[in-house]
């Protein structure tokens, strides 16, 4: 198990209500210092508190990279399908993506809530060097 560095936490117990795209809030992105430095790192995202909604809400998880901190022209590293609220229970691992040498300098995660607003639900995301077994609590 790797040590989880607070500087590598992209979002911690981040909650959304509106049906739109949301950039991780703890840090808008992680800076690897230079393109090519991300090899061997992982982006992991989990559900903290279960998602609920009065409708059939979904959440999509997208990992992006860019050499521009403003993400003017991001490249998608991972794009999940829209995941229904019934699947988004506490502890569910939505993303576990291994980054490669081809990764650009900055990496972020974007959560997109669709179909309906969320009543509850929190998300965690971080950069790690190994497969995490315990996550953020």
N, C-alpha and C. Protein backbone atom coordinates (compact mmCIF):
# COMPACT_ATOMS: atom_id res chain seq x y z
N UNK A 1 0.85 -1.18 0.00
CA UNK A 1 0.00 0.00 0.00
C UNK A 1 0.89 1.24 0.00
N UNK A 2 0.57 2.19 -0.83
CA UNK A 2 1.31 3.44 -0.92
C UNK A 2 0.85 4.43 0.15
N UNK A 3 1.73 5.37 0.47
CA UNK A 3 1.36 6.46 1.37
C UNK A 3 0.60 7.49 0.56
N UNK A 4 -0.54 7.96 1.07
CA UNK A 4 -1.35 8.93 0.36
C UNK A 4 -0.92 10.34 0.77
N UNK A 5 -0.30 11.07 -0.15
CA UNK A 5 0.19 12.42 0.06
C UNK A 5 -0.94 13.41 -0.20
N UNK A 6 -1.20 14.32 0.75
CA UNK A 6 -2.28 15.30 0.58
C UNK A 6 -2.13 16.14 -0.68
N UNK A 7 -0.91 16.35 -1.14
CA UNK A 7 -0.69 17.13 -2.36
C UNK A 7 -1.21 16.39 -3.59
N UNK A 8 -1.39 15.09 -3.45
CA UNK A 8 -1.85 14.29 -4.59
C UNK A 8 -3.36 14.03 -4.55
N UNK A 9 -4.04 14.61 -3.58
CA UNK A 9 -5.49 14.46 -3.49
C UNK A 9 -6.15 15.49 -4.40
N UNK A 10 -6.92 15.01 -5.34
CA UNK A 10 -7.62 15.90 -6.27
C UNK A 10 -8.96 16.35 -5.72
N UNK A 11 -9.66 15.46 -5.06
CA UNK A 11 -10.91 15.82 -4.40
C UNK A 11 -11.13 14.90 -3.22
N UNK A 12 -11.68 15.48 -2.16
CA UNK A 12 -11.93 14.72 -0.94
C UNK A 12 -13.34 15.05 -0.47
N UNK A 13 -14.18 14.06 -0.46
CA UNK A 13 -15.58 14.21 -0.06
C UNK A 13 -16.25 15.35 -0.82
N UNK A 14 -15.96 15.45 -2.11
CA UNK A 14 -16.54 16.49 -2.94
C UNK A 14 -17.98 16.11 -3.28
N UNK A 15 -18.90 17.05 -3.05
CA UNK A 15 -20.32 16.81 -3.31
C UNK A 15 -20.82 17.72 -4.43
N UNK A 16 -21.75 17.21 -5.20
CA UNK A 16 -22.36 17.98 -6.29
C UNK A 16 -23.87 17.89 -6.16
N UNK A 17 -24.55 18.89 -6.65
CA UNK A 17 -26.00 18.80 -6.73
C UNK A 17 -26.48 19.05 -8.16
N UNK A 18 -25.85 19.96 -8.86
CA UNK A 18 -26.33 20.34 -10.19
C UNK A 18 -25.91 19.35 -11.27
N UNK A 19 -26.76 19.25 -12.28
CA UNK A 19 -26.50 18.35 -13.41
C UNK A 19 -25.64 19.10 -14.43
N UNK A 20 -24.32 18.96 -14.28
CA UNK A 20 -23.34 19.60 -15.17
C UNK A 20 -21.97 19.00 -14.89
N UNK A 21 -20.96 19.47 -15.61
CA UNK A 21 -19.59 19.01 -15.40
C UNK A 21 -18.97 19.79 -14.24
N UNK A 22 -18.25 19.07 -13.38
CA UNK A 22 -17.59 19.67 -12.22
C UNK A 22 -16.12 19.25 -12.21
N UNK A 23 -15.21 20.21 -12.11
CA UNK A 23 -13.78 19.91 -12.00
C UNK A 23 -13.48 19.64 -10.54
N UNK A 24 -12.56 18.71 -10.27
CA UNK A 24 -12.18 18.39 -8.91
C UNK A 24 -11.89 19.66 -8.12
N UNK A 25 -12.26 19.69 -6.84
CA UNK A 25 -12.20 20.94 -6.08
C UNK A 25 -11.01 21.09 -5.16
N UNK A 26 -10.47 20.02 -4.62
CA UNK A 26 -9.35 20.16 -3.69
C UNK A 26 -8.20 20.88 -4.39
N UNK A 27 -7.90 20.44 -5.59
CA UNK A 27 -6.92 21.06 -6.48
C UNK A 27 -7.52 20.91 -7.86
N UNK A 28 -7.42 21.93 -8.67
CA UNK A 28 -7.98 21.82 -10.02
C UNK A 28 -7.24 20.79 -10.86
N UNK A 29 -5.98 20.50 -10.47
CA UNK A 29 -5.18 19.56 -11.24
C UNK A 29 -3.97 19.14 -10.41
N UNK A 30 -3.27 18.11 -10.89
CA UNK A 30 -1.99 17.74 -10.30
C UNK A 30 -0.91 18.06 -11.32
N UNK A 31 0.16 18.68 -10.86
CA UNK A 31 1.28 19.09 -11.71
C UNK A 31 2.43 18.10 -11.53
N UNK A 32 2.75 17.37 -12.59
CA UNK A 32 3.86 16.42 -12.55
C UNK A 32 5.21 17.09 -12.81
N UNK A 33 5.23 18.41 -13.06
CA UNK A 33 6.47 19.15 -13.24
C UNK A 33 6.95 19.21 -14.68
N UNK A 34 6.66 18.18 -15.44
CA UNK A 34 7.02 18.14 -16.86
C UNK A 34 6.27 16.99 -17.50
N UNK A 35 6.04 17.11 -18.79
CA UNK A 35 5.41 16.01 -19.53
C UNK A 35 6.31 14.78 -19.44
N UNK A 36 5.70 13.63 -19.33
CA UNK A 36 6.46 12.38 -19.27
C UNK A 36 6.79 11.91 -17.86
N UNK A 37 6.51 12.74 -16.84
CA UNK A 37 6.85 12.37 -15.46
C UNK A 37 5.77 11.54 -14.76
N UNK A 38 4.66 11.27 -15.43
CA UNK A 38 3.55 10.58 -14.78
C UNK A 38 3.62 9.05 -14.88
N UNK A 39 4.59 8.55 -15.61
CA UNK A 39 4.67 7.11 -15.81
C UNK A 39 4.70 6.37 -14.48
N UNK A 40 3.82 5.38 -14.34
CA UNK A 40 3.76 4.57 -13.14
C UNK A 40 2.80 5.10 -12.09
N UNK A 41 2.26 6.30 -12.29
CA UNK A 41 1.27 6.84 -11.36
C UNK A 41 -0.12 6.42 -11.81
N UNK A 42 -1.06 6.43 -10.88
CA UNK A 42 -2.44 6.06 -11.16
C UNK A 42 -3.35 7.21 -10.76
N UNK A 43 -4.48 7.33 -11.43
CA UNK A 43 -5.56 8.21 -10.98
C UNK A 43 -6.66 7.29 -10.47
N UNK A 44 -7.09 7.53 -9.24
CA UNK A 44 -8.10 6.69 -8.61
C UNK A 44 -9.24 7.59 -8.15
N UNK A 45 -10.47 7.16 -8.36
CA UNK A 45 -11.64 7.89 -7.87
C UNK A 45 -12.63 6.89 -7.27
N UNK A 46 -13.16 7.26 -6.12
CA UNK A 46 -14.12 6.40 -5.43
C UNK A 46 -15.32 7.23 -4.97
N UNK A 47 -16.38 6.52 -4.63
CA UNK A 47 -17.56 7.16 -4.04
C UNK A 47 -17.36 7.15 -2.53
N UNK A 48 -17.53 8.31 -1.91
CA UNK A 48 -17.45 8.40 -0.44
C UNK A 48 -18.81 8.06 0.16
N UNK A 49 -19.76 8.97 0.03
CA UNK A 49 -21.14 8.74 0.48
C UNK A 49 -21.97 8.36 -0.74
N UNK A 50 -22.85 7.41 -0.56
CA UNK A 50 -23.66 6.90 -1.67
C UNK A 50 -24.45 8.01 -2.36
N UNK A 51 -24.63 7.86 -3.65
CA UNK A 51 -25.37 8.82 -4.46
C UNK A 51 -26.87 8.52 -4.35
N UNK A 52 -27.65 9.58 -4.13
CA UNK A 52 -29.10 9.47 -4.19
C UNK A 52 -29.63 10.60 -5.05
N UNK A 53 -30.82 10.38 -5.60
CA UNK A 53 -31.45 11.37 -6.46
C UNK A 53 -32.93 11.02 -6.55
N UNK A 54 -33.76 12.03 -6.76
CA UNK A 54 -35.18 11.75 -6.93
C UNK A 54 -35.46 11.17 -8.31
N UNK A 55 -34.55 11.36 -9.24
CA UNK A 55 -34.69 10.83 -10.59
C UNK A 55 -33.64 9.77 -10.87
N UNK A 56 -33.39 9.54 -12.13
CA UNK A 56 -32.42 8.51 -12.53
C UNK A 56 -31.08 9.16 -12.86
N UNK A 57 -30.47 9.78 -11.89
CA UNK A 57 -29.20 10.48 -12.08
C UNK A 57 -28.07 9.53 -12.44
N UNK A 58 -27.11 10.06 -13.20
CA UNK A 58 -25.90 9.34 -13.54
C UNK A 58 -24.70 10.25 -13.29
N UNK A 59 -23.54 9.65 -13.14
CA UNK A 59 -22.29 10.41 -13.02
C UNK A 59 -21.28 9.76 -13.97
N UNK A 60 -20.57 10.61 -14.68
CA UNK A 60 -19.52 10.18 -15.60
C UNK A 60 -18.20 10.71 -15.06
N UNK A 61 -17.16 9.92 -15.10
CA UNK A 61 -15.84 10.28 -14.59
C UNK A 61 -14.88 10.38 -15.77
N UNK A 62 -14.23 11.53 -15.91
CA UNK A 62 -13.31 11.76 -17.02
C UNK A 62 -11.97 12.24 -16.47
N UNK A 63 -10.90 11.54 -16.83
CA UNK A 63 -9.54 11.95 -16.47
C UNK A 63 -8.95 12.65 -17.70
N UNK A 64 -8.44 13.86 -17.47
CA UNK A 64 -7.87 14.64 -18.57
C UNK A 64 -6.43 15.02 -18.27
N UNK A 65 -5.66 15.26 -19.34
CA UNK A 65 -4.30 15.76 -19.21
C UNK A 65 -4.12 16.93 -20.17
N UNK A 66 -3.15 17.80 -19.85
CA UNK A 66 -2.84 18.94 -20.71
C UNK A 66 -1.48 19.48 -20.30
N UNK A 67 -0.80 20.13 -21.22
CA UNK A 67 0.45 20.81 -20.89
C UNK A 67 0.21 22.25 -20.47
N UNK A 68 -1.06 22.65 -20.44
CA UNK A 68 -1.49 23.99 -20.06
C UNK A 68 -2.31 23.87 -18.77
N UNK A 69 -1.91 24.58 -17.71
CA UNK A 69 -2.61 24.50 -16.43
C UNK A 69 -4.06 24.97 -16.53
N UNK A 70 -4.38 25.76 -17.55
CA UNK A 70 -5.75 26.23 -17.75
C UNK A 70 -6.60 25.20 -18.51
N UNK A 71 -6.00 24.10 -18.93
CA UNK A 71 -6.67 23.03 -19.67
C UNK A 71 -7.42 23.59 -20.88
N UNK A 72 -6.71 24.39 -21.66
CA UNK A 72 -7.28 24.98 -22.86
C UNK A 72 -7.60 23.98 -23.95
N UNK A 73 -6.81 22.91 -24.03
CA UNK A 73 -7.08 21.85 -25.02
C UNK A 73 -6.73 20.50 -24.40
N UNK A 74 -7.56 20.06 -23.44
CA UNK A 74 -7.25 18.81 -22.74
C UNK A 74 -7.40 17.58 -23.61
N UNK A 75 -6.62 16.56 -23.27
CA UNK A 75 -6.72 15.26 -23.89
C UNK A 75 -7.33 14.32 -22.87
N UNK A 76 -8.29 13.53 -23.29
CA UNK A 76 -8.94 12.59 -22.38
C UNK A 76 -8.09 11.33 -22.23
N UNK A 77 -7.79 10.99 -20.99
CA UNK A 77 -7.04 9.78 -20.66
C UNK A 77 -8.00 8.62 -20.39
N UNK A 78 -9.10 8.94 -19.73
CA UNK A 78 -10.11 7.93 -19.38
C UNK A 78 -11.48 8.60 -19.39
N UNK A 79 -12.46 7.91 -19.92
CA UNK A 79 -13.82 8.43 -19.99
C UNK A 79 -14.76 7.27 -19.66
N UNK A 80 -15.35 7.31 -18.47
CA UNK A 80 -16.26 6.23 -18.08
C UNK A 80 -17.58 6.40 -18.81
N UNK A 81 -18.34 5.38 -18.82
CA UNK A 81 -19.72 5.51 -19.27
C UNK A 81 -20.49 6.22 -18.17
N UNK A 82 -21.68 6.65 -18.45
CA UNK A 82 -22.53 7.24 -17.42
C UNK A 82 -22.92 6.12 -16.46
N UNK A 83 -22.60 6.31 -15.19
CA UNK A 83 -22.84 5.26 -14.18
C UNK A 83 -24.08 5.66 -13.37
N UNK A 84 -25.04 4.77 -13.30
CA UNK A 84 -26.30 5.03 -12.61
C UNK A 84 -26.14 5.10 -11.11
N UNK A 85 -27.06 5.84 -10.49
CA UNK A 85 -26.99 6.07 -9.04
C UNK A 85 -27.01 4.78 -8.23
N UNK A 86 -27.67 3.75 -8.69
CA UNK A 86 -27.73 2.49 -7.94
C UNK A 86 -26.36 1.85 -7.79
N UNK A 87 -25.47 2.10 -8.73
CA UNK A 87 -24.11 1.54 -8.69
C UNK A 87 -23.19 2.37 -7.81
N UNK A 88 -23.50 3.65 -7.66
CA UNK A 88 -22.60 4.59 -6.97
C UNK A 88 -22.82 4.56 -5.46
N UNK A 89 -22.50 3.41 -4.88
CA UNK A 89 -22.61 3.20 -3.43
C UNK A 89 -21.28 3.53 -2.76
N UNK A 90 -21.30 3.74 -1.47
CA UNK A 90 -20.08 4.07 -0.72
C UNK A 90 -19.01 3.02 -0.98
N UNK A 91 -17.81 3.49 -1.33
CA UNK A 91 -16.67 2.61 -1.56
C UNK A 91 -16.50 2.17 -3.00
N UNK A 92 -17.47 2.43 -3.86
CA UNK A 92 -17.37 2.02 -5.25
C UNK A 92 -16.19 2.70 -5.93
N UNK A 93 -15.33 1.92 -6.59
CA UNK A 93 -14.18 2.47 -7.30
C UNK A 93 -14.59 2.72 -8.74
N UNK A 94 -14.71 4.00 -9.08
CA UNK A 94 -15.16 4.39 -10.42
C UNK A 94 -14.01 4.52 -11.41
N UNK A 95 -12.83 4.86 -10.90
CA UNK A 95 -11.66 5.07 -11.77
C UNK A 95 -10.43 4.46 -11.12
N UNK A 96 -9.64 3.76 -11.90
CA UNK A 96 -8.31 3.29 -11.50
C UNK A 96 -7.51 3.18 -12.80
N UNK A 97 -6.86 4.27 -13.16
CA UNK A 97 -6.20 4.38 -14.45
C UNK A 97 -4.70 4.55 -14.27
N UNK A 98 -3.93 3.71 -14.93
CA UNK A 98 -2.48 3.81 -14.91
C UNK A 98 -2.04 4.83 -15.96
N UNK A 99 -1.24 5.81 -15.55
CA UNK A 99 -0.72 6.82 -16.47
C UNK A 99 0.58 6.33 -17.09
N UNK A 100 0.88 6.83 -18.27
CA UNK A 100 2.07 6.39 -19.00
C UNK A 100 3.03 7.56 -19.22
N UNK A 101 4.17 7.27 -19.80
CA UNK A 101 5.16 8.29 -20.13
C UNK A 101 4.57 9.33 -21.09
N UNK A 102 3.57 8.95 -21.86
CA UNK A 102 2.94 9.86 -22.83
C UNK A 102 2.06 10.92 -22.15
N UNK A 103 1.87 10.81 -20.85
CA UNK A 103 1.02 11.75 -20.13
C UNK A 103 1.64 13.15 -20.13
N UNK A 104 0.79 14.13 -20.29
CA UNK A 104 1.23 15.52 -20.28
C UNK A 104 1.45 15.99 -18.85
N UNK A 105 1.84 17.25 -18.68
CA UNK A 105 2.28 17.76 -17.37
C UNK A 105 1.17 17.80 -16.32
N UNK A 106 -0.03 18.21 -16.69
CA UNK A 106 -1.12 18.39 -15.72
C UNK A 106 -2.19 17.33 -15.92
N UNK A 107 -2.75 16.86 -14.80
CA UNK A 107 -3.82 15.86 -14.83
C UNK A 107 -4.92 16.32 -13.89
N UNK A 108 -6.16 16.11 -14.33
CA UNK A 108 -7.32 16.44 -13.48
C UNK A 108 -8.43 15.43 -13.72
N UNK A 109 -9.44 15.49 -12.86
CA UNK A 109 -10.62 14.66 -13.05
C UNK A 109 -11.84 15.58 -13.12
N UNK A 110 -12.75 15.23 -14.01
CA UNK A 110 -14.00 15.98 -14.18
C UNK A 110 -15.14 15.00 -13.93
N UNK A 111 -16.06 15.40 -13.04
CA UNK A 111 -17.24 14.60 -12.74
C UNK A 111 -18.42 15.25 -13.46
N UNK A 112 -19.16 14.50 -14.24
CA UNK A 112 -20.33 15.06 -14.92
C UNK A 112 -21.59 14.37 -14.42
N UNK A 113 -22.43 15.16 -13.76
CA UNK A 113 -23.72 14.69 -13.28
C UNK A 113 -24.71 14.93 -14.41
N UNK A 114 -25.51 13.92 -14.74
CA UNK A 114 -26.45 14.06 -15.85
C UNK A 114 -27.80 13.45 -15.52
N UNK A 115 -28.74 13.70 -16.35
CA UNK A 115 -30.11 13.19 -16.32
C UNK A 115 -30.94 13.85 -15.22
N UNK A 116 -30.39 13.96 -14.04
CA UNK A 116 -31.11 14.52 -12.89
C UNK A 116 -30.09 15.01 -11.87
N UNK A 117 -30.48 15.95 -11.03
CA UNK A 117 -29.58 16.46 -9.98
C UNK A 117 -29.41 15.39 -8.90
N UNK A 118 -28.34 15.51 -8.13
CA UNK A 118 -28.09 14.58 -7.02
C UNK A 118 -28.61 15.19 -5.72
N UNK A 119 -29.19 14.37 -4.89
CA UNK A 119 -29.61 14.80 -3.56
C UNK A 119 -28.43 14.64 -2.59
N UNK A 120 -27.72 13.52 -2.70
CA UNK A 120 -26.54 13.26 -1.87
C UNK A 120 -25.51 12.53 -2.70
N UNK A 121 -24.32 12.43 -2.13
CA UNK A 121 -23.22 11.71 -2.78
C UNK A 121 -21.94 12.52 -2.70
N UNK A 122 -20.85 11.86 -2.37
CA UNK A 122 -19.53 12.51 -2.36
C UNK A 122 -18.54 11.64 -3.13
N UNK A 123 -17.48 12.32 -3.62
CA UNK A 123 -16.49 11.64 -4.44
C UNK A 123 -15.09 12.00 -3.97
N UNK A 124 -14.19 11.04 -4.09
CA UNK A 124 -12.79 11.21 -3.74
C UNK A 124 -11.95 10.85 -4.96
N UNK A 125 -10.87 11.59 -5.17
CA UNK A 125 -9.95 11.25 -6.27
C UNK A 125 -8.54 11.64 -5.85
N UNK A 126 -7.58 10.82 -6.28
CA UNK A 126 -6.20 11.10 -5.93
C UNK A 126 -5.25 10.47 -6.93
N UNK A 127 -4.02 10.93 -6.88
CA UNK A 127 -2.92 10.37 -7.68
C UNK A 127 -2.16 9.44 -6.75
N UNK A 128 -1.83 8.26 -7.23
CA UNK A 128 -1.16 7.27 -6.38
C UNK A 128 -0.09 6.54 -7.18
N UNK A 129 0.77 5.85 -6.46
CA UNK A 129 1.82 5.09 -7.13
C UNK A 129 1.57 3.59 -7.12
N UNK A 130 0.60 3.15 -6.34
CA UNK A 130 0.29 1.73 -6.25
C UNK A 130 -1.21 1.56 -6.20
N UNK A 131 -1.65 0.35 -6.36
CA UNK A 131 -3.08 0.07 -6.22
C UNK A 131 -3.44 0.27 -4.75
N UNK A 132 -4.38 1.17 -4.51
CA UNK A 132 -4.78 1.53 -3.15
C UNK A 132 -5.81 0.54 -2.65
N UNK A 133 -5.67 0.14 -1.39
CA UNK A 133 -6.63 -0.81 -0.84
C UNK A 133 -7.53 -0.19 0.20
N UNK A 134 -7.18 1.01 0.72
CA UNK A 134 -8.03 1.58 1.75
C UNK A 134 -8.71 2.88 1.34
N UNK A 135 -8.12 3.73 0.54
CA UNK A 135 -8.76 4.95 0.05
C UNK A 135 -8.87 6.05 1.07
N UNK A 136 -9.62 7.08 0.71
CA UNK A 136 -9.83 8.24 1.57
C UNK A 136 -11.07 8.02 2.40
N UNK A 137 -11.00 8.40 3.68
CA UNK A 137 -12.17 8.27 4.54
C UNK A 137 -12.54 9.60 5.12
